[in-house]
Amino acid sequence: MDVTVVHTADLGPDGRAELRALLDLAYGGDFDDSDWEHALGGMHALARDDGVLAGHAALVARRLLHGGRALRAGYVEAVAVHPAHRRRGIAGAVMEPVERLTRGGHEMGALGSSEMALPFYAGRGWQRWRGPLHALTPSGIVETPDERGGIHVLPVGVPLDLDGDLTCDWRDADVW
């Protein structure tokens, strides 16, 4: 297995089409255009197994408000493994460079997780956010209680109060 890290700009049209096909397949039809948009504009860890795109994780820059500060966050998006390649360490292989980039270039990491993936992220040192969650919207700060329990953070260089408030910057569709 070979893992490479590239910026969205370097994927090219064929690379973006191949990646979108993987994400559509891996998410079983539950990956829409807004999810795709959220995964673009940052760095991509791509795992290939015998030339086949088998896994992916993206890291995009976001601002998260916590403790009176706007923190530079590396936000993980679109973690996926091709169904035929699961249970072979590919998710961990694509998360390793994403976590390295987070630790080296951000004040914290964050991601939204499915219930199924919670043990995977916890085993890698990600911590579940316990406090209230909000989004900074065009109408002001709005609570996002439906996300409670699904947001995880990777502390890097700033002390985090996991029981405190955490507010994400605005984006269309799923804000977290």
Protein backbone atom coordinates (compact mmCIF):
# COMPACT_ATOMS: atom_id res chain seq x y z
CA MET A 1 0.00 0.00 0.00
CA ASP A 2 1.24 3.46 -0.91
CA VAL A 3 0.00 6.66 0.83
CA THR A 4 0.56 10.05 -0.80
CA VAL A 5 -0.43 13.51 0.39
CA VAL A 6 -1.53 16.12 -2.13
CA HIS A 7 -3.40 19.42 -2.13
CA THR A 8 -6.79 19.60 -3.83
CA ALA A 9 -5.21 21.76 -6.55
CA ASP A 10 -2.89 18.91 -7.47
CA LEU A 11 -5.56 16.22 -7.81
CA GLY A 12 -6.53 17.37 -11.30
CA PRO A 13 -9.87 16.55 -12.95
CA ASP A 14 -9.19 12.81 -13.23
CA GLY A 15 -8.00 12.58 -9.63
CA ARG A 16 -11.04 14.47 -8.37
CA ALA A 17 -13.36 12.18 -10.37
CA GLU A 18 -11.60 9.07 -9.02
CA LEU A 19 -11.81 10.41 -5.46
CA ARG A 20 -15.50 11.32 -5.76
CA ALA A 21 -16.26 7.82 -7.05
CA LEU A 22 -14.48 6.29 -4.04
CA LEU A 23 -16.38 8.52 -1.62
CA ASP A 24 -19.73 7.77 -3.23
CA LEU A 25 -19.01 4.04 -3.04
CA ALA A 26 -17.58 4.06 0.50
CA TYR A 27 -20.45 6.11 1.91
CA GLY A 28 -23.07 3.94 0.21
CA GLY A 29 -24.89 6.81 -1.45
CA ASP A 30 -24.85 8.99 1.68
CA PHE A 31 -22.22 11.43 0.35
CA ASP A 32 -23.71 14.47 -1.35
CA ASP A 33 -22.40 17.55 -3.14
CA SER A 34 -22.13 19.57 0.09
CA ASP A 35 -20.06 16.79 1.69
CA TRP A 36 -17.84 16.87 -1.40
CA GLU A 37 -17.48 20.64 -1.16
CA HIS A 38 -16.45 20.35 2.51
CA ALA A 39 -13.67 17.89 1.61
CA LEU A 40 -12.01 20.22 -0.92
CA GLY A 41 -9.49 23.03 -0.53
CA GLY A 42 -7.00 21.32 1.72
CA MET A 43 -4.71 18.33 1.90
CA HIS A 44 -5.68 14.78 0.91
CA ALA A 45 -4.11 11.55 2.12
CA LEU A 46 -4.66 8.96 -0.61
CA ALA A 47 -3.98 5.25 -0.11
CA ARG A 48 -3.49 3.04 -3.16
CA ASP A 49 -3.41 -0.72 -3.09
CA ASP A 50 -2.03 -2.20 -6.32
CA GLY A 51 -2.81 1.08 -8.05
CA VAL A 52 -6.45 1.17 -6.89
CA LEU A 53 -7.57 4.14 -4.79
CA ALA A 54 -8.47 2.31 -1.57
CA GLY A 55 -8.63 5.03 1.08
CA HIS A 56 -8.82 8.77 1.68
CA ALA A 57 -8.84 11.42 4.40
CA ALA A 58 -8.91 15.20 3.89
CA LEU A 59 -7.68 17.97 6.16
CA VAL A 60 -9.18 21.42 5.65
CA ALA A 61 -8.55 24.63 7.57
CA ARG A 62 -11.33 25.97 9.76
CA ARG A 63 -11.70 28.40 12.67
CA LEU A 64 -13.23 27.09 15.88
CA LEU A 65 -14.10 29.43 18.73
CA HIS A 66 -13.22 28.22 22.21
CA GLY A 67 -12.19 29.90 25.44
CA GLY A 68 -12.49 33.38 23.94
CA ARG A 69 -10.15 32.57 21.02
CA ALA A 70 -10.53 31.78 17.32
CA LEU A 71 -8.40 28.66 17.04
CA ARG A 72 -6.71 27.50 13.84
CA ALA A 73 -8.17 24.03 13.41
CA GLY A 74 -7.33 21.19 11.07
CA TYR A 75 -10.74 19.69 10.32
CA VAL A 76 -10.83 16.11 9.07
CA GLU A 77 -13.30 15.33 6.29
CA ALA A 78 -14.30 12.44 4.06
CA VAL A 79 -12.44 9.59 5.74
CA ALA A 80 -13.28 6.59 3.58
CA VAL A 81 -12.06 3.13 2.67
CA HIS A 82 -13.16 1.20 -0.39
CA PRO A 83 -15.50 -1.60 0.77
CA ALA A 84 -13.30 -4.30 -0.80
CA HIS A 85 -10.24 -3.01 1.12
CA ARG A 86 -11.65 -2.63 4.63
CA ARG A 87 -10.12 -4.12 7.79
CA ARG A 88 -6.58 -3.87 6.41
CA GLY A 89 -5.30 -0.77 8.23
CA ILE A 90 -6.05 1.69 5.44
CA ALA A 91 -8.07 4.11 7.61
CA GLY A 92 -5.15 4.34 10.03
CA ALA A 93 -2.71 4.76 7.15
CA VAL A 94 -4.57 7.81 5.78
CA MET A 95 -5.16 9.29 9.23
CA GLU A 96 -1.44 9.21 10.12
CA PRO A 97 -0.38 11.99 7.70
CA VAL A 98 -3.54 13.98 8.43
CA GLU A 99 -2.76 13.89 12.15
CA ARG A 100 0.88 14.80 11.46
CA LEU A 101 -0.25 17.83 9.44
CA THR A 102 -2.69 18.77 12.20
CA ARG A 103 -0.03 18.60 14.90
CA GLY A 104 2.47 20.54 12.81
CA GLY A 105 0.25 23.28 11.45
CA HIS A 106 -2.78 23.80 13.66
CA GLU A 107 -3.73 24.61 17.23
CA MET A 108 -6.18 21.71 17.36
CA GLY A 109 -7.78 19.04 15.24
CA ALA A 110 -11.50 18.36 14.97
CA LEU A 111 -13.82 15.99 13.17
CA GLY A 112 -17.38 14.73 13.14
CA SER A 113 -17.69 10.97 13.59
CA SER A 114 -20.29 8.32 13.01
CA GLU A 115 -21.14 6.16 16.01
CA MET A 116 -19.43 3.21 14.32
CA ALA A 117 -16.08 5.03 14.02
CA LEU A 118 -15.92 6.32 17.61
CA PRO A 119 -13.62 3.53 18.90
CA PHE A 120 -11.27 4.02 15.94
CA TYR A 121 -10.78 7.74 16.66
CA ALA A 122 -10.59 7.26 20.44
CA GLY A 123 -7.83 4.71 19.90
CA ARG A 124 -5.86 7.33 17.97
CA GLY A 125 -6.08 9.91 20.77
CA TRP A 126 -9.09 11.89 19.57
CA GLN A 127 -11.31 13.04 22.43
CA ARG A 128 -15.09 13.39 22.38
CA TRP A 129 -16.28 16.96 22.93
CA ARG A 130 -18.67 16.92 25.89
CA GLY A 131 -19.69 20.58 26.07
CA PRO A 132 -22.24 22.60 24.10
CA LEU A 133 -21.69 22.99 20.36
CA HIS A 134 -22.58 26.01 18.26
CA ALA A 135 -22.19 27.42 14.77
CA LEU A 136 -21.40 31.00 13.82
CA THR A 137 -24.13 31.57 11.21
CA PRO A 138 -25.12 34.61 9.13
CA SER A 139 -27.84 35.13 11.78
CA GLY A 140 -25.45 34.89 14.71
CA ILE A 141 -24.35 32.06 16.99
CA VAL A 142 -26.77 29.13 16.96
CA GLU A 143 -26.61 26.02 19.15
CA THR A 144 -26.16 22.70 17.29
CA PRO A 145 -27.37 20.14 19.86
CA ASP A 146 -27.85 17.34 17.30
CA GLU A 147 -24.06 17.12 16.92
CA ARG A 148 -23.46 16.51 20.62
CA GLY A 149 -21.43 13.35 21.15
CA GLY A 150 -20.24 13.18 17.55
CA ILE A 151 -17.55 15.86 17.51
CA HIS A 152 -14.01 14.86 18.43
CA VAL A 153 -10.93 16.98 18.95
CA LEU A 154 -7.23 16.35 18.86
CA PRO A 155 -5.54 18.70 21.33
CA VAL A 156 -2.32 20.08 19.89
CA GLY A 157 -0.98 23.33 21.30
CA VAL A 158 -3.84 24.94 23.19
CA PRO A 159 -5.50 23.76 26.41
CA LEU A 160 -9.06 22.66 25.67
CA ASP A 161 -11.94 22.44 28.15
CA LEU A 162 -13.88 19.50 26.70
CA ASP A 163 -16.92 20.57 28.77
CA GLY A 164 -16.82 24.16 27.52
CA ASP A 165 -18.45 25.76 24.50
CA LEU A 166 -17.11 25.06 21.00
CA THR A 167 -18.32 27.07 18.02
CA CYS A 168 -17.52 26.30 14.39
CA ASP A 169 -17.30 28.72 11.50
CA TRP A 170 -20.14 28.87 8.98
CA ARG A 171 -20.49 26.72 5.89
CA ASP A 172 -23.46 25.51 3.87
CA ALA A 173 -25.31 22.27 4.75
CA ASP A 174 -23.78 20.35 7.68
CA VAL A 175 -21.88 22.98 9.66
CA TRP A 176 -19.95 20.35 11.60
